[in-house]
Amino acid sequence: MAARRSYGTGSLYERTDAAGRETWYGHWRDGGRQVKRRIGPKRIVGTREGLTRTQAEAELRRLIGETAVNAPLVGDRLSLEELGRRYLIHLEQKGRKKATLTAVRSVLDHWLVPHFGDRAVDAIEPEDVRDLMRRMERGGVGRRRNKPVGPKSIRNYIGTLSALFNFAERNGWARSNPVRPGSAVGGHTAMILR
């Protein structure tokens, strides 16, 4: 059993996915917010692939230091465009497929950035998301100015917006996700998809 870490230095743990792959994760507090990060794959015994516990501990310490220095406080003015840029970098670092990156970039360029402009992420409310969905239903933003969007595409685009807000929440850049299921937006999405 590993020695207990001193208070305030975070914790390192491992998780196994459905395919049986083991991954190191880190968890710590930065000010009042809780931070969780994927550290990397766990070393498979007898190979050089993945991280040993010592390597994972070193990466955890590096991430804790980096987060404390670089993380903007909740309420700092972070636009949706800047959040999108950071999210794309995050997806690239996680090794997401080129098609995924292209799809996210497309939703940002054609719908989200033109609709929300340079508004701060923390200023976007469920009503603003409902306005965007109504605009998508009738057309009128970006290059698809006159072409309405179907229910499945709306669901996908709003899902991307929700993923952006989840990413912002995890990093302390947003207090809440105005798209989260159960919010006022959720009911409007259900009406569109009937």
N, C-alpha and C. Protein backbone atom coordinates (compact mmCIF):
# COMPACT_ATOMS: atom_id res chain seq x y z
N MET A 1 0.84 -1.18 0.00
CA MET A 1 0.00 0.00 0.00
C MET A 1 0.89 1.24 0.00
N ALA A 2 0.54 2.22 -0.84
CA ALA A 2 1.35 3.44 -0.95
C ALA A 2 1.18 4.31 0.28
N ALA A 3 2.23 5.06 0.61
CA ALA A 3 2.16 5.98 1.74
C ALA A 3 1.15 7.08 1.45
N ARG A 4 0.47 7.54 2.49
CA ARG A 4 -0.53 8.59 2.33
C ARG A 4 0.18 9.91 2.04
N ARG A 5 -0.35 10.66 1.08
CA ARG A 5 0.22 11.95 0.72
C ARG A 5 -0.15 12.98 1.77
N SER A 6 0.71 13.98 1.95
CA SER A 6 0.40 15.02 2.92
C SER A 6 -0.75 15.88 2.41
N TYR A 7 -1.50 16.47 3.34
CA TYR A 7 -2.68 17.25 3.01
C TYR A 7 -2.31 18.38 2.04
N GLY A 8 -3.14 18.55 1.01
CA GLY A 8 -2.93 19.64 0.06
C GLY A 8 -2.05 19.29 -1.12
N THR A 9 -1.53 18.05 -1.16
CA THR A 9 -0.66 17.67 -2.28
C THR A 9 -1.39 16.82 -3.30
N GLY A 10 -2.69 16.68 -3.17
CA GLY A 10 -3.48 15.93 -4.14
C GLY A 10 -3.42 14.44 -3.92
N SER A 11 -4.08 13.71 -4.81
CA SER A 11 -4.06 12.25 -4.72
C SER A 11 -3.93 11.67 -6.12
N LEU A 12 -3.29 10.52 -6.17
CA LEU A 12 -3.09 9.80 -7.42
C LEU A 12 -3.87 8.50 -7.31
N TYR A 13 -4.64 8.18 -8.33
CA TYR A 13 -5.38 6.92 -8.30
C TYR A 13 -5.46 6.36 -9.71
N GLU A 14 -5.87 5.10 -9.82
CA GLU A 14 -5.96 4.47 -11.13
C GLU A 14 -7.39 4.02 -11.39
N ARG A 15 -7.75 4.04 -12.67
CA ARG A 15 -9.07 3.57 -13.09
C ARG A 15 -8.88 2.62 -14.26
N THR A 16 -9.77 1.66 -14.35
CA THR A 16 -9.73 0.68 -15.44
C THR A 16 -10.97 0.88 -16.29
N ASP A 17 -10.79 1.04 -17.62
CA ASP A 17 -11.94 1.23 -18.50
C ASP A 17 -12.54 -0.13 -18.89
N ALA A 18 -13.60 -0.09 -19.70
CA ALA A 18 -14.31 -1.32 -20.07
C ALA A 18 -13.43 -2.29 -20.84
N ALA A 19 -12.40 -1.78 -21.52
CA ALA A 19 -11.50 -2.64 -22.29
C ALA A 19 -10.37 -3.20 -21.44
N GLY A 20 -10.35 -2.84 -20.14
CA GLY A 20 -9.33 -3.34 -19.24
C GLY A 20 -8.06 -2.50 -19.19
N ARG A 21 -8.04 -1.35 -19.86
CA ARG A 21 -6.87 -0.46 -19.82
C ARG A 21 -6.86 0.32 -18.53
N GLU A 22 -5.69 0.37 -17.88
CA GLU A 22 -5.55 1.09 -16.62
C GLU A 22 -4.92 2.46 -16.89
N THR A 23 -5.48 3.48 -16.23
CA THR A 23 -5.02 4.85 -16.44
C THR A 23 -4.84 5.53 -15.09
N TRP A 24 -3.77 6.32 -14.96
CA TRP A 24 -3.54 7.12 -13.76
C TRP A 24 -4.36 8.41 -13.86
N TYR A 25 -4.96 8.81 -12.73
CA TYR A 25 -5.68 10.07 -12.62
C TYR A 25 -5.20 10.80 -11.38
N GLY A 26 -5.26 12.12 -11.43
CA GLY A 26 -4.90 12.93 -10.29
C GLY A 26 -6.09 13.76 -9.83
N HIS A 27 -6.12 14.06 -8.56
CA HIS A 27 -7.20 14.85 -7.97
C HIS A 27 -6.59 15.76 -6.91
N TRP A 28 -6.91 17.06 -6.97
CA TRP A 28 -6.39 17.98 -5.97
C TRP A 28 -7.31 19.20 -5.87
N ARG A 29 -7.04 20.04 -4.89
CA ARG A 29 -7.80 21.27 -4.71
C ARG A 29 -6.90 22.45 -5.03
N ASP A 30 -7.46 23.41 -5.74
CA ASP A 30 -6.75 24.64 -6.08
C ASP A 30 -7.63 25.78 -5.58
N GLY A 31 -7.24 26.36 -4.46
CA GLY A 31 -8.13 27.34 -3.83
C GLY A 31 -9.34 26.59 -3.35
N GLY A 32 -10.52 27.04 -3.74
CA GLY A 32 -11.74 26.36 -3.33
C GLY A 32 -12.25 25.37 -4.34
N ARG A 33 -11.59 25.25 -5.50
CA ARG A 33 -12.14 24.38 -6.53
C ARG A 33 -11.44 23.03 -6.56
N GLN A 34 -12.19 22.02 -6.97
CA GLN A 34 -11.69 20.67 -7.07
C GLN A 34 -11.20 20.45 -8.50
N VAL A 35 -10.02 19.89 -8.66
CA VAL A 35 -9.45 19.66 -9.99
C VAL A 35 -9.17 18.17 -10.15
N LYS A 36 -9.59 17.61 -11.29
CA LYS A 36 -9.31 16.21 -11.62
C LYS A 36 -8.70 16.19 -13.01
N ARG A 37 -7.63 15.42 -13.18
CA ARG A 37 -6.97 15.34 -14.48
C ARG A 37 -6.54 13.90 -14.77
N ARG A 38 -6.60 13.55 -16.03
CA ARG A 38 -6.04 12.28 -16.49
C ARG A 38 -4.53 12.49 -16.56
N ILE A 39 -3.78 11.61 -15.93
CA ILE A 39 -2.32 11.73 -15.91
C ILE A 39 -1.72 10.98 -17.10
N GLY A 40 -2.16 9.75 -17.33
CA GLY A 40 -1.65 8.95 -18.44
C GLY A 40 -1.85 7.47 -18.19
N PRO A 41 -1.53 6.65 -19.20
CA PRO A 41 -1.72 5.20 -19.05
C PRO A 41 -0.77 4.61 -18.02
N LYS A 42 -1.25 3.61 -17.29
CA LYS A 42 -0.42 2.93 -16.29
C LYS A 42 0.51 1.95 -17.00
N ARG A 43 1.72 1.85 -16.51
CA ARG A 43 2.71 0.95 -17.10
C ARG A 43 2.25 -0.49 -16.97
N ILE A 44 2.34 -1.21 -18.07
CA ILE A 44 2.03 -2.65 -18.08
C ILE A 44 3.31 -3.38 -17.66
N VAL A 45 3.19 -4.27 -16.71
CA VAL A 45 4.34 -5.00 -16.18
C VAL A 45 5.07 -5.71 -17.32
N GLY A 46 6.40 -5.54 -17.34
CA GLY A 46 7.22 -6.21 -18.34
C GLY A 46 7.38 -5.42 -19.63
N THR A 47 6.80 -4.18 -19.68
CA THR A 47 6.95 -3.36 -20.88
C THR A 47 7.47 -1.98 -20.49
N ARG A 48 7.74 -1.16 -21.48
CA ARG A 48 8.16 0.21 -21.24
C ARG A 48 7.03 1.18 -21.58
N GLU A 49 5.86 0.66 -21.89
CA GLU A 49 4.70 1.48 -22.24
C GLU A 49 4.00 1.98 -20.97
N GLY A 50 3.63 3.24 -20.95
CA GLY A 50 2.89 3.80 -19.83
C GLY A 50 3.79 4.34 -18.73
N LEU A 51 3.14 4.82 -17.66
CA LEU A 51 3.83 5.48 -16.56
C LEU A 51 3.90 4.59 -15.33
N THR A 52 5.06 4.60 -14.68
CA THR A 52 5.18 3.95 -13.38
C THR A 52 4.52 4.87 -12.35
N ARG A 53 4.34 4.38 -11.13
CA ARG A 53 3.76 5.23 -10.08
C ARG A 53 4.64 6.46 -9.85
N THR A 54 5.95 6.29 -9.84
CA THR A 54 6.87 7.41 -9.62
C THR A 54 6.73 8.46 -10.73
N GLN A 55 6.65 8.00 -11.97
CA GLN A 55 6.48 8.92 -13.10
C GLN A 55 5.12 9.63 -13.03
N ALA A 56 4.09 8.89 -12.65
CA ALA A 56 2.76 9.49 -12.53
C ALA A 56 2.74 10.53 -11.41
N GLU A 57 3.42 10.25 -10.29
CA GLU A 57 3.53 11.21 -9.19
C GLU A 57 4.22 12.50 -9.67
N ALA A 58 5.30 12.35 -10.44
CA ALA A 58 6.02 13.52 -10.95
C ALA A 58 5.12 14.34 -11.88
N GLU A 59 4.37 13.66 -12.73
CA GLU A 59 3.46 14.37 -13.65
C GLU A 59 2.34 15.06 -12.88
N LEU A 60 1.85 14.41 -11.82
CA LEU A 60 0.83 15.02 -10.98
C LEU A 60 1.36 16.31 -10.35
N ARG A 61 2.57 16.27 -9.80
CA ARG A 61 3.17 17.48 -9.21
C ARG A 61 3.31 18.59 -10.25
N ARG A 62 3.71 18.21 -11.48
CA ARG A 62 3.86 19.20 -12.55
C ARG A 62 2.50 19.84 -12.88
N LEU A 63 1.47 19.00 -13.00
CA LEU A 63 0.13 19.51 -13.32
C LEU A 63 -0.42 20.41 -12.22
N ILE A 64 -0.18 20.04 -10.96
CA ILE A 64 -0.64 20.87 -9.84
C ILE A 64 0.01 22.24 -9.92
N GLY A 65 1.32 22.26 -10.15
CA GLY A 65 2.04 23.54 -10.27
C GLY A 65 1.58 24.36 -11.46
N GLU A 66 1.34 23.70 -12.59
CA GLU A 66 0.90 24.40 -13.80
C GLU A 66 -0.49 24.98 -13.62
N THR A 67 -1.39 24.23 -13.00
CA THR A 67 -2.76 24.68 -12.78
C THR A 67 -2.79 25.89 -11.87
N ALA A 68 -2.00 25.86 -10.81
CA ALA A 68 -1.99 26.97 -9.87
C ALA A 68 -1.50 28.25 -10.52
N VAL A 69 -0.58 28.15 -11.47
CA VAL A 69 -0.03 29.33 -12.12
C VAL A 69 -0.92 29.83 -13.24
N ASN A 70 -1.48 28.92 -14.05
CA ASN A 70 -2.15 29.32 -15.29
C ASN A 70 -3.66 29.43 -15.22
N ALA A 71 -4.31 28.84 -14.23
CA ALA A 71 -5.76 28.81 -14.26
C ALA A 71 -6.36 30.17 -13.93
N PRO A 72 -7.17 30.72 -14.84
CA PRO A 72 -7.85 31.96 -14.52
C PRO A 72 -8.93 31.70 -13.48
N LEU A 73 -9.24 32.67 -12.69
CA LEU A 73 -10.27 32.53 -11.67
C LEU A 73 -11.64 32.55 -12.31
N VAL A 74 -12.61 31.89 -11.66
CA VAL A 74 -13.98 31.96 -12.13
C VAL A 74 -14.38 33.42 -12.15
N GLY A 75 -15.02 33.83 -13.21
CA GLY A 75 -15.44 35.22 -13.31
C GLY A 75 -14.51 36.02 -14.19
N ASP A 76 -13.27 35.53 -14.45
CA ASP A 76 -12.42 36.21 -15.41
C ASP A 76 -13.13 36.16 -16.75
N ARG A 77 -12.90 37.15 -17.58
CA ARG A 77 -13.61 37.23 -18.85
C ARG A 77 -12.99 36.29 -19.88
N LEU A 78 -13.58 35.12 -20.02
CA LEU A 78 -13.16 34.13 -20.99
C LEU A 78 -14.27 34.01 -22.03
N SER A 79 -13.98 34.38 -23.27
CA SER A 79 -15.01 34.33 -24.31
C SER A 79 -15.21 32.89 -24.77
N LEU A 80 -16.34 32.64 -25.42
CA LEU A 80 -16.61 31.32 -25.96
C LEU A 80 -15.58 30.98 -27.04
N GLU A 81 -15.16 31.97 -27.79
CA GLU A 81 -14.15 31.74 -28.83
C GLU A 81 -12.84 31.24 -28.21
N GLU A 82 -12.39 31.89 -27.12
CA GLU A 82 -11.17 31.47 -26.44
C GLU A 82 -11.35 30.10 -25.79
N LEU A 83 -12.53 29.86 -25.20
CA LEU A 83 -12.81 28.55 -24.63
C LEU A 83 -12.73 27.49 -25.72
N GLY A 84 -13.29 27.76 -26.90
CA GLY A 84 -13.23 26.82 -28.01
C GLY A 84 -11.80 26.52 -28.41
N ARG A 85 -10.96 27.55 -28.45
CA ARG A 85 -9.55 27.37 -28.80
C ARG A 85 -8.87 26.43 -27.78
N ARG A 86 -9.12 26.67 -26.50
CA ARG A 86 -8.52 25.83 -25.45
C ARG A 86 -9.05 24.40 -25.51
N TYR A 87 -10.34 24.28 -25.82
CA TYR A 87 -10.95 22.94 -25.90
C TYR A 87 -10.35 22.15 -27.05
N LEU A 88 -10.13 22.79 -28.20
CA LEU A 88 -9.53 22.11 -29.34
C LEU A 88 -8.10 21.64 -29.01
N ILE A 89 -7.35 22.46 -28.32
CA ILE A 89 -6.00 22.07 -27.90
C ILE A 89 -6.09 20.85 -26.98
N HIS A 90 -7.04 20.89 -26.05
CA HIS A 90 -7.26 19.76 -25.13
C HIS A 90 -7.58 18.48 -25.90
N LEU A 91 -8.47 18.58 -26.90
CA LEU A 91 -8.84 17.40 -27.68
C LEU A 91 -7.65 16.87 -28.48
N GLU A 92 -6.84 17.77 -29.02
CA GLU A 92 -5.65 17.35 -29.77
C GLU A 92 -4.68 16.61 -28.84
N GLN A 93 -4.50 17.14 -27.64
CA GLN A 93 -3.59 16.50 -26.68
C GLN A 93 -4.08 15.13 -26.25
N LYS A 94 -5.40 14.94 -26.26
CA LYS A 94 -5.96 13.63 -25.90
C LYS A 94 -5.94 12.66 -27.08
N GLY A 95 -5.49 13.15 -28.25
CA GLY A 95 -5.37 12.28 -29.41
C GLY A 95 -6.67 12.02 -30.14
N ARG A 96 -7.62 12.95 -30.05
CA ARG A 96 -8.90 12.77 -30.75
C ARG A 96 -8.68 12.76 -32.26
N LYS A 97 -9.58 12.09 -32.98
CA LYS A 97 -9.47 11.97 -34.43
C LYS A 97 -9.62 13.33 -35.11
N LYS A 98 -9.01 13.43 -36.29
CA LYS A 98 -9.08 14.67 -37.07
C LYS A 98 -10.53 15.04 -37.36
N ALA A 99 -11.38 14.04 -37.64
CA ALA A 99 -12.79 14.30 -37.93
C ALA A 99 -13.50 14.96 -36.74
N THR A 100 -13.15 14.54 -35.53
CA THR A 100 -13.74 15.14 -34.32
C THR A 100 -13.33 16.59 -34.20
N LEU A 101 -12.03 16.86 -34.39
CA LEU A 101 -11.53 18.23 -34.31
C LEU A 101 -12.19 19.12 -35.37
N THR A 102 -12.35 18.59 -36.58
CA THR A 102 -12.99 19.35 -37.66
C THR A 102 -14.44 19.65 -37.33
N ALA A 103 -15.15 18.67 -36.76
CA ALA A 103 -16.56 18.87 -36.41
C ALA A 103 -16.71 19.94 -35.34
N VAL A 104 -15.86 19.91 -34.30
CA VAL A 104 -15.94 20.91 -33.23
C VAL A 104 -15.61 22.29 -33.79
N ARG A 105 -14.55 22.36 -34.60
CA ARG A 105 -14.17 23.64 -35.21
C ARG A 105 -15.31 24.21 -36.06
N SER A 106 -15.98 23.34 -36.81
CA SER A 106 -17.08 23.76 -37.67
C SER A 106 -18.25 24.33 -36.85
N VAL A 107 -18.62 23.64 -35.78
CA VAL A 107 -19.72 24.14 -34.93
C VAL A 107 -19.35 25.49 -34.31
N LEU A 108 -18.11 25.61 -33.87
CA LEU A 108 -17.66 26.89 -33.31
C LEU A 108 -17.74 28.00 -34.35
N ASP A 109 -17.19 27.73 -35.55
CA ASP A 109 -17.11 28.77 -36.59
C ASP A 109 -18.46 29.14 -37.17
N HIS A 110 -19.36 28.15 -37.36
CA HIS A 110 -20.62 28.42 -38.04
C HIS A 110 -21.76 28.84 -37.12
N TRP A 111 -21.72 28.40 -35.87
CA TRP A 111 -22.86 28.67 -35.00
C TRP A 111 -22.50 29.35 -33.68
N LEU A 112 -21.62 28.75 -32.91
CA LEU A 112 -21.42 29.20 -31.54
C LEU A 112 -20.75 30.57 -31.45
N VAL A 113 -19.62 30.76 -32.11
CA VAL A 113 -18.93 32.06 -32.04
C VAL A 113 -19.76 33.16 -32.69
N PRO A 114 -20.36 32.95 -33.90
CA PRO A 114 -21.19 34.02 -34.46
C PRO A 114 -22.38 34.40 -33.57
N HIS A 115 -22.97 33.40 -32.89
CA HIS A 115 -24.14 33.70 -32.06
C HIS A 115 -23.76 34.40 -30.75
N PHE A 116 -22.74 33.88 -30.06
CA PHE A 116 -22.40 34.42 -28.75
C PHE A 116 -21.39 35.56 -28.81
N GLY A 117 -20.73 35.73 -29.95
CA GLY A 117 -19.77 36.82 -30.09
C GLY A 117 -18.67 36.72 -29.05
N ASP A 118 -18.32 37.86 -28.45
CA ASP A 118 -17.24 37.86 -27.46
C ASP A 118 -17.77 37.87 -26.03
N ARG A 119 -19.01 37.39 -25.86
CA ARG A 119 -19.59 37.33 -24.50
C ARG A 119 -18.78 36.40 -23.62
N ALA A 120 -18.68 36.77 -22.36
CA ALA A 120 -17.98 35.93 -21.39
C ALA A 120 -18.75 34.63 -21.19
N VAL A 121 -18.04 33.53 -21.07
CA VAL A 121 -18.65 32.22 -20.88
C VAL A 121 -19.59 32.23 -19.68
N ASP A 122 -19.16 32.87 -18.59
CA ASP A 122 -19.98 32.89 -17.37
C ASP A 122 -21.24 33.74 -17.52
N ALA A 123 -21.35 34.52 -18.60
CA ALA A 123 -22.52 35.36 -18.80
C ALA A 123 -23.59 34.67 -19.65
N ILE A 124 -23.29 33.49 -20.18
CA ILE A 124 -24.24 32.78 -21.05
C ILE A 124 -25.23 32.01 -20.18
N GLU A 125 -26.51 32.26 -20.42
CA GLU A 125 -27.59 31.68 -19.62
C GLU A 125 -28.40 30.67 -20.45
N PRO A 126 -29.22 29.84 -19.80
CA PRO A 126 -30.06 28.89 -20.55
C PRO A 126 -30.92 29.58 -21.62
N GLU A 127 -31.41 30.78 -21.34
CA GLU A 127 -32.23 31.49 -22.33
C GLU A 127 -31.42 31.81 -23.59
N ASP A 128 -30.14 32.11 -23.44
CA ASP A 128 -29.27 32.38 -24.59
C ASP A 128 -29.12 31.12 -25.44
N VAL A 129 -29.04 29.97 -24.79
CA VAL A 129 -28.92 28.70 -25.52
C VAL A 129 -30.22 28.41 -26.25
N ARG A 130 -31.36 28.68 -25.61
CA ARG A 130 -32.65 28.48 -26.28
C ARG A 130 -32.75 29.39 -27.51
N ASP A 131 -32.26 30.64 -27.40
CA ASP A 131 -32.26 31.55 -28.55
C ASP A 131 -31.44 30.96 -29.70
N LEU A 132 -30.29 30.41 -29.38
CA LEU A 132 -29.45 29.79 -30.41
C LEU A 132 -30.19 28.64 -31.07
N MET A 133 -30.86 27.80 -30.28
CA MET A 133 -31.58 26.66 -30.84
C MET A 133 -32.71 27.12 -31.76
N ARG A 134 -33.42 28.20 -31.37
CA ARG A 134 -34.48 28.73 -32.24
C ARG A 134 -33.90 29.26 -33.54
N ARG A 135 -32.73 29.89 -33.45
CA ARG A 135 -32.06 30.39 -34.66
C ARG A 135 -31.66 29.25 -35.57
N MET A 136 -31.18 28.17 -34.98
CA MET A 136 -30.81 27.01 -35.78
C MET A 136 -32.03 26.43 -36.48
N GLU A 137 -33.17 26.39 -35.78
CA GLU A 137 -34.39 25.85 -36.39
C GLU A 137 -34.82 26.63 -37.63
N ARG A 138 -34.63 27.94 -37.57
CA ARG A 138 -35.09 28.77 -38.70
C ARG A 138 -33.96 29.22 -39.61
N GLY A 139 -32.71 28.98 -39.25
CA GLY A 139 -31.56 29.46 -40.03
C GLY A 139 -31.25 30.89 -39.62
N GLY A 140 -30.10 31.40 -40.05
CA GLY A 140 -29.85 32.80 -39.79
C GLY A 140 -28.55 33.14 -39.09
N VAL A 141 -27.60 32.23 -38.98
CA VAL A 141 -26.31 32.54 -38.36
C VAL A 141 -25.21 32.00 -39.27
N GLY A 142 -24.13 32.73 -39.39
CA GLY A 142 -22.97 32.25 -40.12
C GLY A 142 -23.24 32.01 -41.59
N ARG A 143 -22.50 31.07 -42.18
CA ARG A 143 -22.63 30.79 -43.60
C ARG A 143 -23.94 30.11 -43.94
N ARG A 144 -24.60 29.50 -42.98
CA ARG A 144 -25.88 28.84 -43.24
C ARG A 144 -27.03 29.79 -42.94
N ARG A 145 -26.86 31.02 -43.32
CA ARG A 145 -27.78 32.10 -42.98
C ARG A 145 -29.24 31.77 -43.25
N ASN A 146 -29.55 31.12 -44.36
CA ASN A 146 -30.94 30.87 -44.71
C ASN A 146 -31.35 29.41 -44.62
N LYS A 147 -30.45 28.57 -44.16
CA LYS A 147 -30.74 27.14 -44.12
C LYS A 147 -31.03 26.66 -42.71
N PRO A 148 -32.27 26.25 -42.42
CA PRO A 148 -32.58 25.71 -41.10
C PRO A 148 -31.80 24.41 -40.84
N VAL A 149 -31.63 24.09 -39.58
CA VAL A 149 -30.89 22.89 -39.16
C VAL A 149 -31.90 21.89 -38.61
N GLY A 150 -31.69 20.61 -38.94
CA GLY A 150 -32.58 19.56 -38.46
C GLY A 150 -32.38 19.24 -37.00
N PRO A 151 -33.35 18.54 -36.40
CA PRO A 151 -33.29 18.22 -34.97
C PRO A 151 -32.04 17.46 -34.55
N LYS A 152 -31.60 16.48 -35.36
CA LYS A 152 -30.42 15.69 -34.98
C LYS A 152 -29.18 16.58 -34.96
N SER A 153 -29.04 17.46 -35.94
CA SER A 153 -27.89 18.36 -35.97
C SER A 153 -27.93 19.34 -34.81
N ILE A 154 -29.12 19.84 -34.49
CA ILE A 154 -29.24 20.75 -33.35
C ILE A 154 -28.78 20.03 -32.08
N ARG A 155 -29.23 18.79 -31.90
CA ARG A 155 -28.83 18.02 -30.72
C ARG A 155 -27.30 17.87 -30.68
N ASN A 156 -26.70 17.57 -31.83
CA ASN A 156 -25.24 17.42 -31.88
C ASN A 156 -24.53 18.73 -31.57
N TYR A 157 -25.00 19.84 -32.14
CA TYR A 157 -24.35 21.14 -31.94
C TYR A 157 -24.47 21.59 -30.48
N ILE A 158 -25.65 21.38 -29.90
CA ILE A 158 -25.85 21.76 -28.50
C ILE A 158 -25.05 20.81 -27.59
N GLY A 159 -24.88 19.56 -28.01
CA GLY A 159 -24.02 18.64 -27.27
C GLY A 159 -22.58 19.12 -27.24
N THR A 160 -22.12 19.68 -28.36
CA THR A 160 -20.77 20.25 -28.40
C THR A 160 -20.66 21.44 -27.45
N LEU A 161 -21.69 22.29 -27.45
CA LEU A 161 -21.70 23.44 -26.54
C LEU A 161 -21.67 22.96 -25.08
N SER A 162 -22.41 21.90 -24.78
CA SER A 162 -22.42 21.36 -23.42
C SER A 162 -21.03 20.82 -23.06
N ALA A 163 -20.37 20.14 -23.99
CA ALA A 163 -19.02 19.62 -23.74
C ALA A 163 -18.05 20.76 -23.46
N LEU A 164 -18.20 21.88 -24.18
CA LEU A 164 -17.36 23.05 -23.94
C LEU A 164 -17.56 23.56 -22.51
N PHE A 165 -18.82 23.65 -22.08
CA PHE A 165 -19.09 24.14 -20.73
C PHE A 165 -18.62 23.15 -19.66
N ASN A 166 -18.75 21.85 -19.92
CA ASN A 166 -18.22 20.87 -18.97
C ASN A 166 -16.71 21.04 -18.81
N PHE A 167 -16.02 21.24 -19.93
CA PHE A 167 -14.58 21.47 -19.92
C PHE A 167 -14.26 22.74 -19.12
N ALA A 168 -15.04 23.81 -19.35
CA ALA A 168 -14.82 25.07 -18.63
C ALA A 168 -15.06 24.89 -17.13
N GLU A 169 -16.08 24.14 -16.75
CA GLU A 169 -16.35 23.89 -15.33
C GLU A 169 -15.21 23.13 -14.68
N ARG A 170 -14.74 22.08 -15.35
CA ARG A 170 -13.63 21.27 -14.79
C ARG A 170 -12.38 22.11 -14.56
N ASN A 171 -12.20 23.13 -15.37
CA ASN A 171 -11.01 23.97 -15.26
C ASN A 171 -11.24 25.24 -14.44
N GLY A 172 -12.45 25.40 -13.90
CA GLY A 172 -12.74 26.56 -13.07
C GLY A 172 -12.99 27.83 -13.84
N TRP A 173 -13.31 27.72 -15.15
CA TRP A 173 -13.55 28.91 -15.97
C TRP A 173 -15.03 29.26 -16.08
N ALA A 174 -15.90 28.38 -15.59
CA ALA A 174 -17.34 28.63 -15.61
C ALA A 174 -17.94 28.06 -14.33
N ARG A 175 -18.95 28.74 -13.81
CA ARG A 175 -19.60 28.28 -12.57
C ARG A 175 -20.61 27.17 -12.83
N SER A 176 -21.21 27.19 -14.03
CA SER A 176 -22.25 26.20 -14.33
C SER A 176 -22.34 25.98 -15.84
N ASN A 177 -23.10 24.97 -16.20
CA ASN A 177 -23.32 24.63 -17.61
C ASN A 177 -24.78 24.92 -17.93
N PRO A 178 -25.06 25.96 -18.75
CA PRO A 178 -26.44 26.31 -19.05
C PRO A 178 -27.14 25.29 -19.94
N VAL A 179 -26.43 24.29 -20.42
CA VAL A 179 -27.00 23.27 -21.29
C VAL A 179 -27.27 21.97 -20.54
N ARG A 180 -26.78 21.87 -19.31
CA ARG A 180 -26.85 20.62 -18.54
C ARG A 180 -28.27 20.05 -18.53
N PRO A 181 -28.41 18.73 -18.73
CA PRO A 181 -29.73 18.10 -18.66
C PRO A 181 -30.41 18.47 -17.34
N GLY A 182 -31.67 18.76 -17.44
CA GLY A 182 -32.42 19.17 -16.26
C GLY A 182 -32.53 20.68 -16.17
N SER A 183 -31.71 21.41 -16.94
CA SER A 183 -31.84 22.86 -16.96
C SER A 183 -33.03 23.22 -17.82
N ALA A 184 -33.35 24.49 -17.87
CA ALA A 184 -34.48 24.95 -18.66
C ALA A 184 -34.30 24.62 -20.14
N VAL A 185 -33.07 24.48 -20.59
CA VAL A 185 -32.80 24.18 -21.99
C VAL A 185 -33.22 22.75 -22.33
N GLY A 186 -33.04 21.83 -21.39
CA GLY A 186 -33.34 20.44 -21.65
C GLY A 186 -34.74 20.21 -22.18
N GLY A 187 -35.74 20.88 -21.63
CA GLY A 187 -37.11 20.74 -22.10
C GLY A 187 -37.28 21.25 -23.52
N HIS A 188 -36.62 22.35 -23.85
CA HIS A 188 -36.74 22.90 -25.19
C HIS A 188 -36.10 21.94 -26.20
N THR A 189 -35.01 21.32 -25.84
CA THR A 189 -34.36 20.35 -26.73
C THR A 189 -35.32 19.20 -27.02
N ALA A 190 -35.99 18.73 -25.98
CA ALA A 190 -36.94 17.62 -26.17
C ALA A 190 -38.06 18.01 -27.13
N MET A 191 -38.55 19.26 -27.05
CA MET A 191 -39.61 19.71 -27.96
C MET A 191 -39.13 19.73 -29.40
N ILE A 192 -37.90 20.18 -29.62
CA ILE A 192 -37.36 20.26 -30.97
C ILE A 192 -37.21 18.87 -31.57
N LEU A 193 -36.85 17.89 -30.74
CA LEU A 193 -36.54 16.57 -31.26
C LEU A 193 -37.75 15.67 -31.44
N ARG A 194 -38.94 16.16 -31.16
CA ARG A 194 -40.15 15.34 -31.36
C ARG A 194 -40.46 15.16 -32.82
